[in-house]
Structure formats: C-alpha cells, structure tokens
Amino acid sequence: MTGKLYVVATPIGNLEDITLRAIETLKNCDLIAAEDTRRSRKLLNHYQIKTRLTSYHDYTASRDVEGLLALLEDGAKISLISDAGTPLISDPGYRIVALARKKGILVYPIPGVTALAAGLSVAGLPTDRFVFEGFLPAKEAARRRRLEALKNESRTIVFYESPHRLRVSLRAMVDVFGQSRGVFLARELTKRFENHFYGDVASALAWIDENNDRGEFVIIVEGRKQEVSLTLSEERALEIVSILQEDLPVKRAIAAAARINGVRKNSLYQLYLAKKNSSIT
C-alpha cells in the first residue's frame, strides 16, 4: 500500500488560525516538506510538533522530488506546507501533487486559511463569481498586457502583490481600468498591523501614501459592470415586478410578471438582479 500526501494549510499570520486537524496531521506524519524550513520551524515549535522537516519549493531538484515520491510509494505519510496559507495557491506544491496523482498516490487536503478567501470575505465586493490572478508580472509591458486582458472581466478579480510593486500595479490599474473602478486592499491579513482600504483605484494610491505599505497585500478589484438592453416586454415586466413586490415575495412577483408579459421567469429574475446592481441602462 502506498503512503499518503497531505496538503496542509497553515496560518497566514496569526498562529492561532491553524486547525486542530492540521496540528494532528503534522504531529502524526512521517515527514513535513516545507517551503522554508526556518520559517516553518517557528510554527512547529509553537505547537510542539517534533516531526522531521525537509525542504520543498519551486526550485527543488528533480532527484529530491523523486526521493519524496519514493518515500510515499514505500508507505510514508508526508505533509506539504508552505510559508503561509494553503500550498499551491500562489505557493509551491503543484509539481509534487501532479506527480503523486500520476503515480496513484493518495493526496488529501487539510483545509484552512488562505489570504484569497479571507480577503474576499471582508471586501464588500461581489463574491458569487470571482477570478484569482495571483501576482501580476514584474515587467511593466507584461503587467500592462495582463491587465488589458482583464479590462472587461465582469467577475471580481483577486490579486496578490508585494509592497515594492504595489504602487506601480495600482497605477497600471488606474490607466487600464479607470480611476473609478472599485477596489479593496487588505494589508497583512490576520497580523498585528492589519488594515484595509475600500473605495476606488485612484483613492487607493492616496491611501497607500498615507499608510504603511510594508507587508503582503491582497488587491480585490470590482468587475466591470455589464450593460443590458431590455425589450419592451422585459421593461414592462420589471415595472410590474416593482409593483407586485410591495405585496408579494420577490420570487412570486417575478413569476406573475413573467406570465403576464410572456417572458421567461429565469431570465426575468436575472434582469431583476442586474437592475438591483445598477447595470441596466
């Protein structure tokens, strides 16, 4: 029987954010593969985890990766952790997980905190649909091309950014997305000096100038609002919905208005939501 590879989420700042299952897994596995063993040792010492550590990151030599896979094939239980958060989410781990899958080795997630979800949960921007872009390219031309490709994206867009590239990335967003595009910035999530900004992209630059820009940032950008053209029947149906919902639940008002005007109920419901979000012109 082959071993098991556990992909274990660790805290992004506050050490108390680790799960009980993660602690138990790290204590009882045979080996922990860590992005930076020195940083991970602080977490392990805090929870008195004595499991042996080895280094694993994007530049780990192929022979060392094969060594870990050989241990797994021999029945070892190995936990994969990154410096902070969930491995593979803009962190190392893809190569060994992909190879383990190809070899039929069991891979289990031990879920926990990630800056992506933590930022979205407090951003105040739509979260029903979003796209995660990770870090923008370091070079100016490539960064501009990436943002241009996202200019008309209607979903909320999530980026990670380092402090030394934060200002240039925000300036590029002003140029491509426009000054009024909504944005949320989260600096040092879950840490002692955590702070947030909510407003437009242009104002975010001014906020950065007035606040400490050290630490890791999550940038969450509002998607572009889509304009919707209505037929006469749809316009009338929405008018009826607004009248009926004074006395009826919204779904019943929409169903009645759809029957009266001969439009599809589901389509009318989507138009109703779009109107609430002020995207109909």
C-alpha atoms as a PDB file:
ATOM      1  CA  MET A   1       0.000   0.000   0.000  1.00  0.00           C
ATOM      2  CA  THR A   2       1.328   3.448  -0.932  1.00  0.00           C
ATOM      3  CA  GLY A   3       1.621   6.281   1.546  1.00  0.00           C
ATOM      4  CA  LYS A   4      -0.357   9.488   1.679  1.00  0.00           C
ATOM      5  CA  LEU A   5       0.469  13.082   0.789  1.00  0.00           C
ATOM      6  CA  TYR A   6      -1.341  15.704   2.876  1.00  0.00           C
ATOM      7  CA  VAL A   7      -1.601  19.285   1.589  1.00  0.00           C
ATOM      8  CA  VAL A   8      -1.842  21.194   4.855  1.00  0.00           C
ATOM      9  CA  ALA A   9      -2.964  24.822   5.191  1.00  0.00           C
ATOM     10  CA  THR A  10      -1.090  26.847   7.824  1.00  0.00           C
ATOM     11  CA  PRO A  11      -1.768  30.335   9.272  1.00  0.00           C
ATOM     12  CA  ILE A  12      -1.118  33.406   7.119  1.00  0.00           C
ATOM     13  CA  GLY A  13      -0.177  35.487  10.144  1.00  0.00           C
ATOM     14  CA  ASN A  14      -1.920  34.718  13.416  1.00  0.00           C
ATOM     15  CA  LEU A  15      -0.648  31.349  14.657  1.00  0.00           C
ATOM     16  CA  GLU A  16      -3.992  30.651  16.349  1.00  0.00           C
ATOM     17  CA  ASP A  17      -5.671  30.271  12.952  1.00  0.00           C
ATOM     18  CA  ILE A  18      -4.393  26.726  12.425  1.00  0.00           C
ATOM     19  CA  THR A  19      -6.971  23.927  12.603  1.00  0.00           C
ATOM     20  CA  LEU A  20      -6.939  21.079  15.109  1.00  0.00           C
ATOM     21  CA  ARG A  21      -6.830  18.611  12.211  1.00  0.00           C
ATOM     22  CA  ALA A  22      -3.762  20.326  10.749  1.00  0.00           C
ATOM     23  CA  ILE A  23      -1.920  20.087  14.079  1.00  0.00           C
ATOM     24  CA  GLU A  24      -2.827  16.415  14.403  1.00  0.00           C
ATOM     25  CA  THR A  25      -1.740  15.666  10.837  1.00  0.00           C
ATOM     26  CA  LEU A  26       1.609  17.435  11.238  1.00  0.00           C
ATOM     27  CA  LYS A  27       2.294  15.630  14.505  1.00  0.00           C
ATOM     28  CA  ASN A  28       1.487  12.160  13.175  1.00  0.00           C
ATOM     29  CA  CYS A  29       3.010  12.185   9.695  1.00  0.00           C
ATOM     30  CA  ASP A  30       6.490  10.802   8.952  1.00  0.00           C
ATOM     31  CA  LEU A  31       7.904  13.896   7.258  1.00  0.00           C
ATOM     32  CA  ILE A  32       6.962  17.537   6.640  1.00  0.00           C
ATOM     33  CA  ALA A  33       8.007  19.073   3.302  1.00  0.00           C
ATOM     34  CA  ALA A  34       8.207  22.838   3.904  1.00  0.00           C
ATOM     35  CA  GLU A  35       8.813  25.787   1.589  1.00  0.00           C
ATOM     36  CA  ASP A  36      11.213  27.368   4.114  1.00  0.00           C
ATOM     37  CA  THR A  37      12.211  25.114   6.997  1.00  0.00           C
ATOM     38  CA  ARG A  38      13.413  28.035   9.132  1.00  0.00           C
ATOM     39  CA  ARG A  39      10.065  29.838   8.944  1.00  0.00           C
ATOM     40  CA  SER A  40       8.047  26.664   9.397  1.00  0.00           C
ATOM     41  CA  ARG A  41      10.072  25.698  12.470  1.00  0.00           C
ATOM     42  CA  LYS A  42       8.567  28.659  14.355  1.00  0.00           C
ATOM     43  CA  LEU A  43       5.054  27.288  13.791  1.00  0.00           C
ATOM     44  CA  LEU A  44       6.045  23.736  14.659  1.00  0.00           C
ATOM     45  CA  ASN A  45       7.808  24.829  17.853  1.00  0.00           C
ATOM     46  CA  HIS A  46       4.740  26.840  18.883  1.00  0.00           C
ATOM     47  CA  TYR A  47       2.618  23.669  18.773  1.00  0.00           C
ATOM     48  CA  GLN A  48       5.382  21.323  19.975  1.00  0.00           C
ATOM     49  CA  ILE A  49       5.411  19.390  16.709  1.00  0.00           C
ATOM     50  CA  LYS A  50       8.576  17.266  16.539  1.00  0.00           C
ATOM     51  CA  THR A  51       8.135  15.747  13.072  1.00  0.00           C
ATOM     52  CA  ARG A  52      11.216  15.832  10.835  1.00  0.00           C
ATOM     53  CA  LEU A  53      11.383  18.686   8.316  1.00  0.00           C
ATOM     54  CA  THR A  54      12.737  18.718   4.784  1.00  0.00           C
ATOM     55  CA  SER A  55      12.837  21.482   2.199  1.00  0.00           C
ATOM     56  CA  TYR A  56      10.440  21.593  -0.768  1.00  0.00           C
ATOM     57  CA  HIS A  57       9.918  24.616  -3.052  1.00  0.00           C
ATOM     58  CA  ASP A  58       9.638  25.512  -6.735  1.00  0.00           C
ATOM     59  CA  TYR A  59      13.384  25.057  -7.239  1.00  0.00           C
ATOM     60  CA  THR A  60      13.739  21.708  -5.507  1.00  0.00           C
ATOM     61  CA  ALA A  61      15.898  19.412  -7.624  1.00  0.00           C
ATOM     62  CA  SER A  62      14.124  16.657  -9.543  1.00  0.00           C
ATOM     63  CA  ARG A  63      16.121  13.960  -7.714  1.00  0.00           C
ATOM     64  CA  ASP A  64      14.875  15.282  -4.368  1.00  0.00           C
ATOM     65  CA  VAL A  65      11.269  15.301  -5.593  1.00  0.00           C
ATOM     66  CA  GLU A  66      11.708  11.735  -6.792  1.00  0.00           C
ATOM     67  CA  GLY A  67      13.068  10.900  -3.342  1.00  0.00           C
ATOM     68  CA  LEU A  68       9.880  12.186  -1.702  1.00  0.00           C
ATOM     69  CA  LEU A  69       7.762  10.229  -4.179  1.00  0.00           C
ATOM     70  CA  ALA A  70       9.769   7.081  -3.448  1.00  0.00           C
ATOM     71  CA  LEU A  71       9.061   7.505   0.262  1.00  0.00           C
ATOM     72  CA  LEU A  72       5.355   7.866  -0.500  1.00  0.00           C
ATOM     73  CA  GLU A  73       5.411   4.732  -2.665  1.00  0.00           C
ATOM     74  CA  ASP A  74       7.027   2.895   0.245  1.00  0.00           C
ATOM     75  CA  GLY A  75       4.134   3.852   2.532  1.00  0.00           C
ATOM     76  CA  ALA A  76       5.279   7.100   4.161  1.00  0.00           C
ATOM     77  CA  LYS A  77       2.860   9.815   5.208  1.00  0.00           C
ATOM     78  CA  ILE A  78       4.168  13.244   4.137  1.00  0.00           C
ATOM     79  CA  SER A  79       2.657  16.673   4.864  1.00  0.00           C
ATOM     80  CA  LEU A  80       3.266  19.508   2.405  1.00  0.00           C
ATOM     81  CA  ILE A  81       3.192  23.046   3.839  1.00  0.00           C
ATOM     82  CA  SER A  82       4.114  26.487   2.510  1.00  0.00           C
ATOM     83  CA  ASP A  83       5.363  29.532   4.398  1.00  0.00           C
ATOM     84  CA  ALA A  84       1.791  30.669   4.986  1.00  0.00           C
ATOM     85  CA  GLY A  85      -1.700  29.719   3.878  1.00  0.00           C
ATOM     86  CA  THR A  86      -2.706  26.903   1.554  1.00  0.00           C
ATOM     87  CA  PRO A  87       0.019  25.273  -0.587  1.00  0.00           C
ATOM     88  CA  LEU A  88      -0.375  25.639  -4.382  1.00  0.00           C
ATOM     89  CA  ILE A  89      -2.387  28.898  -4.027  1.00  0.00           C
ATOM     90  CA  SER A  90       0.412  31.123  -5.398  1.00  0.00           C
ATOM     91  CA  ASP A  91       2.738  28.855  -3.427  1.00  0.00           C
ATOM     92  CA  PRO A  92       4.850  25.762  -4.234  1.00  0.00           C
ATOM     93  CA  GLY A  93       3.404  22.280  -4.487  1.00  0.00           C
ATOM     94  CA  TYR A  94       1.935  21.761  -7.950  1.00  0.00           C
ATOM     95  CA  ARG A  95       4.765  19.591  -9.242  1.00  0.00           C
ATOM     96  CA  ILE A  96       4.776  17.038  -6.434  1.00  0.00           C
ATOM     97  CA  VAL A  97       0.965  16.860  -6.244  1.00  0.00           C
ATOM     98  CA  ALA A  98       0.709  16.308 -10.026  1.00  0.00           C
ATOM     99  CA  LEU A  99       3.392  13.597  -9.962  1.00  0.00           C
ATOM    100  CA  ALA A 100       1.798  11.912  -6.952  1.00  0.00           C
ATOM    101  CA  ARG A 101      -1.553  11.797  -8.751  1.00  0.00           C
ATOM    102  CA  LYS A 102       0.065  10.248 -11.837  1.00  0.00           C
ATOM    103  CA  LYS A 103       1.652   7.548  -9.669  1.00  0.00           C
ATOM    104  CA  GLY A 104      -1.649   6.752  -7.953  1.00  0.00           C
ATOM    105  CA  ILE A 105      -0.540   8.103  -4.573  1.00  0.00           C
ATOM    106  CA  LEU A 106      -3.382   9.313  -2.360  1.00  0.00           C
ATOM    107  CA  VAL A 107      -3.425  13.117  -1.865  1.00  0.00           C
ATOM    108  CA  TYR A 108      -5.632  14.683   0.808  1.00  0.00           C
ATOM    109  CA  PRO A 109      -6.355  18.359   1.559  1.00  0.00           C
ATOM    110  CA  ILE A 110      -6.200  19.554   5.155  1.00  0.00           C
ATOM    111  CA  PRO A 111      -8.052  22.839   4.597  1.00  0.00           C
ATOM    112  CA  GLY A 112      -7.602  26.075   6.446  1.00  0.00           C
ATOM    113  CA  VAL A 113      -6.917  29.746   5.971  1.00  0.00           C
ATOM    114  CA  THR A 114      -5.882  31.352   2.677  1.00  0.00           C
ATOM    115  CA  ALA A 115      -5.464  35.073   2.002  1.00  0.00           C
ATOM    116  CA  LEU A 116      -7.667  34.725  -1.079  1.00  0.00           C
ATOM    117  CA  ALA A 117     -10.763  33.640   0.867  1.00  0.00           C
ATOM    118  CA  ALA A 118     -10.017  35.834   3.875  1.00  0.00           C
ATOM    119  CA  GLY A 119      -9.800  38.948   1.701  1.00  0.00           C
ATOM    120  CA  LEU A 120     -12.932  38.154  -0.304  1.00  0.00           C
ATOM    121  CA  SER A 121     -14.951  37.565   2.860  1.00  0.00           C
ATOM    122  CA  VAL A 122     -14.465  41.153   4.079  1.00  0.00           C
ATOM    123  CA  ALA A 123     -14.053  43.062   0.790  1.00  0.00           C
ATOM    124  CA  GLY A 124     -17.656  44.155   0.354  1.00  0.00           C
ATOM    125  CA  LEU A 125     -17.482  43.277  -3.368  1.00  0.00           C
ATOM    126  CA  PRO A 126     -19.468  40.526  -5.159  1.00  0.00           C
ATOM    127  CA  THR A 127     -18.210  37.046  -4.247  1.00  0.00           C
ATOM    128  CA  ASP A 128     -20.676  34.818  -6.103  1.00  0.00           C
ATOM    129  CA  ARG A 129     -18.284  34.800  -9.089  1.00  0.00           C
ATOM    130  CA  PHE A 130     -14.610  35.761  -8.990  1.00  0.00           C
ATOM    131  CA  VAL A 131     -11.311  35.079 -10.740  1.00  0.00           C
ATOM    132  CA  PHE A 132      -7.952  34.662  -8.989  1.00  0.00           C
ATOM    133  CA  GLU A 133      -4.939  36.115 -10.819  1.00  0.00           C
ATOM    134  CA  GLY A 134      -2.229  35.749  -8.182  1.00  0.00           C
ATOM    135  CA  PHE A 135       0.776  38.045  -8.687  1.00  0.00           C
ATOM    136  CA  LEU A 136       0.908  40.329 -11.719  1.00  0.00           C
ATOM    137  CA  PRO A 137       4.026  40.089 -13.934  1.00  0.00           C
ATOM    138  CA  ALA A 138       7.026  42.043 -12.653  1.00  0.00           C
ATOM    139  CA  LYS A 139       7.857  43.640 -16.009  1.00  0.00           C
ATOM    140  CA  GLU A 140       5.843  46.701 -16.990  1.00  0.00           C
ATOM    141  CA  ALA A 141       4.854  45.610 -20.513  1.00  0.00           C
ATOM    142  CA  ALA A 142       3.734  42.155 -19.404  1.00  0.00           C
ATOM    143  CA  ARG A 143       1.834  43.623 -16.447  1.00  0.00           C
ATOM    144  CA  ARG A 144       0.011  46.030 -18.783  1.00  0.00           C
ATOM    145  CA  ARG A 145      -0.919  43.227 -21.194  1.00  0.00           C
ATOM    146  CA  ARG A 146      -2.318  41.123 -18.361  1.00  0.00           C
ATOM    147  CA  LEU A 147      -4.475  43.973 -17.090  1.00  0.00           C
ATOM    148  CA  GLU A 148      -5.693  44.801 -20.613  1.00  0.00           C
ATOM    149  CA  ALA A 149      -6.840  41.181 -20.955  1.00  0.00           C
ATOM    150  CA  LEU A 150      -8.861  41.627 -17.729  1.00  0.00           C
ATOM    151  CA  LYS A 151     -10.287  45.062 -18.563  1.00  0.00           C
ATOM    152  CA  ASN A 152     -13.743  43.735 -19.483  1.00  0.00           C
ATOM    153  CA  GLU A 153     -13.844  40.943 -16.883  1.00  0.00           C
ATOM    154  CA  SER A 154     -17.238  41.095 -15.157  1.00  0.00           C
ATOM    155  CA  ARG A 155     -16.245  38.893 -12.222  1.00  0.00           C
ATOM    156  CA  THR A 156     -14.494  40.221  -9.132  1.00  0.00           C
ATOM    157  CA  ILE A 157     -10.704  39.964  -9.668  1.00  0.00           C
ATOM    158  CA  VAL A 158      -8.283  38.973  -6.888  1.00  0.00           C
ATOM    159  CA  PHE A 159      -4.555  39.731  -6.978  1.00  0.00           C
ATOM    160  CA  TYR A 160      -1.671  39.233  -4.577  1.00  0.00           C
ATOM    161  CA  GLU A 161       1.019  41.916  -4.525  1.00  0.00           C
ATOM    162  CA  SER A 162       4.305  42.608  -2.766  1.00  0.00           C
ATOM    163  CA  PRO A 163       4.966  46.038  -1.200  1.00  0.00           C
ATOM    164  CA  HIS A 164       7.708  47.065  -3.638  1.00  0.00           C
ATOM    165  CA  ARG A 165       5.399  46.609  -6.656  1.00  0.00           C
ATOM    166  CA  LEU A 166       2.151  47.779  -5.075  1.00  0.00           C
ATOM    167  CA  ARG A 167       2.209  51.370  -6.346  1.00  0.00           C
ATOM    168  CA  VAL A 168       3.185  50.508  -9.926  1.00  0.00           C
ATOM    169  CA  SER A 169       0.444  47.870 -10.060  1.00  0.00           C
ATOM    170  CA  LEU A 170      -2.197  50.285  -8.773  1.00  0.00           C
ATOM    171  CA  ARG A 171      -1.086  52.986 -11.237  1.00  0.00           C
ATOM    172  CA  ALA A 172      -1.379  50.473 -14.063  1.00  0.00           C
ATOM    173  CA  MET A 173      -4.894  49.585 -12.846  1.00  0.00           C
ATOM    174  CA  VAL A 174      -5.859  53.275 -12.904  1.00  0.00           C
ATOM    175  CA  ASP A 175      -4.613  53.516 -16.509  1.00  0.00           C
ATOM    176  CA  VAL A 176      -6.355  50.340 -17.700  1.00  0.00           C
ATOM    177  CA  PHE A 177      -9.475  50.026 -15.514  1.00  0.00           C
ATOM    178  CA  GLY A 178     -10.110  53.742 -14.935  1.00  0.00           C
ATOM    179  CA  GLN A 179      -9.976  55.820 -11.774  1.00  0.00           C
ATOM    180  CA  SER A 180     -13.475  54.972 -10.569  1.00  0.00           C
ATOM    181  CA  ARG A 181     -13.221  51.154 -10.588  1.00  0.00           C
ATOM    182  CA  GLY A 182     -13.979  49.820  -7.104  1.00  0.00           C
ATOM    183  CA  VAL A 183     -11.156  48.183  -5.171  1.00  0.00           C
ATOM    184  CA  PHE A 184     -10.423  46.672  -1.759  1.00  0.00           C
ATOM    185  CA  LEU A 185      -6.910  46.439  -0.311  1.00  0.00           C
ATOM    186  CA  ALA A 186      -6.004  44.215   2.621  1.00  0.00           C
ATOM    187  CA  ARG A 187      -2.554  44.599   4.153  1.00  0.00           C
ATOM    188  CA  GLU A 188      -1.036  41.996   6.489  1.00  0.00           C
ATOM    189  CA  LEU A 189      -4.224  39.938   6.905  1.00  0.00           C
ATOM    190  CA  THR A 190      -4.638  38.410  10.410  1.00  0.00           C
ATOM    191  CA  LYS A 191      -1.430  40.056  11.654  1.00  0.00           C
ATOM    192  CA  ARG A 192      -0.957  42.690  14.337  1.00  0.00           C
ATOM    193  CA  PHE A 193      -0.895  45.679  11.978  1.00  0.00           C
ATOM    194  CA  GLU A 194      -3.613  44.508   9.580  1.00  0.00           C
ATOM    195  CA  ASN A 195      -5.529  47.309   7.857  1.00  0.00           C
ATOM    196  CA  HIS A 196      -7.918  47.714   4.932  1.00  0.00           C
ATOM    197  CA  PHE A 197      -8.962  50.180   2.249  1.00  0.00           C
ATOM    198  CA  TYR A 198     -12.310  50.236   0.429  1.00  0.00           C
ATOM    199  CA  GLY A 199     -13.005  52.728  -2.351  1.00  0.00           C
ATOM    200  CA  ASP A 200     -11.846  53.402  -5.915  1.00  0.00           C
ATOM    201  CA  VAL A 201      -8.486  52.656  -7.504  1.00  0.00           C
ATOM    202  CA  ALA A 202      -7.355  56.292  -7.673  1.00  0.00           C
ATOM    203  CA  SER A 203      -8.090  56.838  -3.969  1.00  0.00           C
ATOM    204  CA  ALA A 204      -6.242  53.631  -3.109  1.00  0.00           C
ATOM    205  CA  LEU A 205      -2.985  55.233  -4.249  1.00  0.00           C
ATOM    206  CA  ALA A 206      -3.545  58.190  -1.928  1.00  0.00           C
ATOM    207  CA  TRP A 207      -4.330  55.788   0.931  1.00  0.00           C
ATOM    208  CA  ILE A 208      -1.073  53.928   0.346  1.00  0.00           C
ATOM    209  CA  ASP A 209       0.857  57.208   0.557  1.00  0.00           C
ATOM    210  CA  GLU A 210      -0.731  57.935   3.942  1.00  0.00           C
ATOM    211  CA  ASN A 211      -0.283  54.446   5.370  1.00  0.00           C
ATOM    212  CA  ASN A 212       2.448  51.899   5.838  1.00  0.00           C
ATOM    213  CA  ASP A 213       2.984  49.939   2.622  1.00  0.00           C
ATOM    214  CA  ARG A 214       5.111  47.191   4.158  1.00  0.00           C
ATOM    215  CA  GLY A 215       3.838  43.628   4.186  1.00  0.00           C
ATOM    216  CA  GLU A 216       1.885  41.468   1.767  1.00  0.00           C
ATOM    217  CA  PHE A 217      -1.249  42.814   0.071  1.00  0.00           C
ATOM    218  CA  VAL A 218      -4.422  41.301  -1.333  1.00  0.00           C
ATOM    219  CA  ILE A 219      -5.963  43.522  -4.031  1.00  0.00           C
ATOM    220  CA  ILE A 220      -9.593  42.813  -4.898  1.00  0.00           C
ATOM    221  CA  VAL A 221     -10.951  44.696  -7.913  1.00  0.00           C
ATOM    222  CA  GLU A 222     -14.597  45.131  -8.819  1.00  0.00           C
ATOM    223  CA  GLY A 223     -15.565  43.505 -12.109  1.00  0.00           C
ATOM    224  CA  ARG A 224     -16.730  45.660 -14.982  1.00  0.00           C
ATOM    225  CA  LYS A 225     -20.480  46.188 -14.917  1.00  0.00           C
ATOM    226  CA  GLN A 226     -22.195  44.759 -17.973  1.00  0.00           C
ATOM    227  CA  GLU A 227     -24.752  46.887 -19.787  1.00  0.00           C
ATOM    228  CA  VAL A 228     -28.025  45.145 -20.572  1.00  0.00           C
ATOM    229  CA  SER A 229     -30.521  46.238 -23.244  1.00  0.00           C
ATOM    230  CA  LEU A 230     -34.155  45.451 -22.491  1.00  0.00           C
ATOM    231  CA  THR A 231     -37.029  44.589 -24.808  1.00  0.00           C
ATOM    232  CA  LEU A 232     -40.333  46.400 -24.302  1.00  0.00           C
ATOM    233  CA  SER A 233     -41.832  43.258 -22.712  1.00  0.00           C
ATOM    234  CA  GLU A 234     -38.913  42.997 -20.290  1.00  0.00           C
ATOM    235  CA  GLU A 235     -39.213  46.673 -19.327  1.00  0.00           C
ATOM    236  CA  ARG A 236     -42.922  46.238 -18.620  1.00  0.00           C
ATOM    237  CA  ALA A 237     -42.279  43.008 -16.696  1.00  0.00           C
ATOM    238  CA  LEU A 238     -39.747  44.739 -14.431  1.00  0.00           C
ATOM    239  CA  GLU A 239     -42.206  47.563 -13.807  1.00  0.00           C
ATOM    240  CA  ILE A 240     -44.839  45.020 -12.774  1.00  0.00           C
ATOM    241  CA  VAL A 241     -42.343  43.258 -10.501  1.00  0.00           C
ATOM    242  CA  SER A 242     -41.636  46.533  -8.687  1.00  0.00           C
ATOM    243  CA  ILE A 243     -45.375  46.996  -8.114  1.00  0.00           C
ATOM    244  CA  LEU A 244     -46.188  43.412  -7.116  1.00  0.00           C
ATOM    245  CA  GLN A 245     -43.298  43.029  -4.702  1.00  0.00           C
ATOM    246  CA  GLU A 246     -44.915  45.596  -2.425  1.00  0.00           C
ATOM    247  CA  ASP A 247     -47.418  42.853  -1.528  1.00  0.00           C
ATOM    248  CA  LEU A 248     -45.711  39.640  -2.665  1.00  0.00           C
ATOM    249  CA  PRO A 249     -42.339  37.922  -2.110  1.00  0.00           C
ATOM    250  CA  VAL A 250     -39.914  38.736  -4.919  1.00  0.00           C
ATOM    251  CA  LYS A 251     -39.976  35.270  -6.493  1.00  0.00           C
ATOM    252  CA  ARG A 252     -43.785  35.208  -6.668  1.00  0.00           C
ATOM    253  CA  ALA A 253     -43.837  38.757  -8.092  1.00  0.00           C
ATOM    254  CA  ILE A 254     -41.342  37.717 -10.784  1.00  0.00           C
ATOM    255  CA  ALA A 255     -43.310  34.567 -11.657  1.00  0.00           C
ATOM    256  CA  ALA A 256     -46.532  36.568 -12.048  1.00  0.00           C
ATOM    257  CA  ALA A 257     -44.885  39.335 -14.098  1.00  0.00           C
ATOM    258  CA  ALA A 258     -43.255  36.746 -16.377  1.00  0.00           C
ATOM    259  CA  ARG A 259     -46.634  35.085 -17.113  1.00  0.00           C
ATOM    260  CA  ILE A 260     -48.337  38.416 -17.784  1.00  0.00           C
ATOM    261  CA  ASN A 261     -45.667  39.623 -20.225  1.00  0.00           C
ATOM    262  CA  GLY A 262     -44.717  36.339 -21.848  1.00  0.00           C
ATOM    263  CA  VAL A 263     -41.066  36.346 -20.762  1.00  0.00           C
ATOM    264  CA  ARG A 264     -39.082  33.528 -19.187  1.00  0.00           C
ATOM    265  CA  LYS A 265     -39.126  33.537 -15.387  1.00  0.00           C
ATOM    266  CA  ASN A 266     -35.411  32.764 -15.017  1.00  0.00           C
ATOM    267  CA  SER A 267     -34.435  35.466 -17.495  1.00  0.00           C
ATOM    268  CA  LEU A 268     -36.612  37.998 -15.692  1.00  0.00           C
ATOM    269  CA  TYR A 269     -35.039  37.064 -12.375  1.00  0.00           C
ATOM    270  CA  GLN A 270     -31.539  37.703 -13.795  1.00  0.00           C
ATOM    271  CA  LEU A 271     -32.684  41.070 -15.147  1.00  0.00           C
ATOM    272  CA  TYR A 272     -34.146  41.915 -11.752  1.00  0.00           C
ATOM    273  CA  LEU A 273     -30.779  41.158 -10.100  1.00  0.00           C
ATOM    274  CA  ALA A 274     -28.944  43.195 -12.729  1.00  0.00           C
ATOM    275  CA  LYS A 275     -31.240  46.151 -12.096  1.00  0.00           C
ATOM    276  CA  LYS A 276     -30.582  45.907  -8.358  1.00  0.00           C
ATOM    277  CA  ASN A 277     -26.870  46.135  -9.127  1.00  0.00           C
ATOM    278  CA  SER A 278     -27.492  49.190 -11.366  1.00  0.00           C
ATOM    279  CA  SER A 279     -26.079  47.543 -14.508  1.00  0.00           C
ATOM    280  CA  ILE A 280     -29.134  48.105 -16.737  1.00  0.00           C
ATOM    281  CA  THR A 281     -29.115  51.201 -18.917  1.00  0.00           C
END
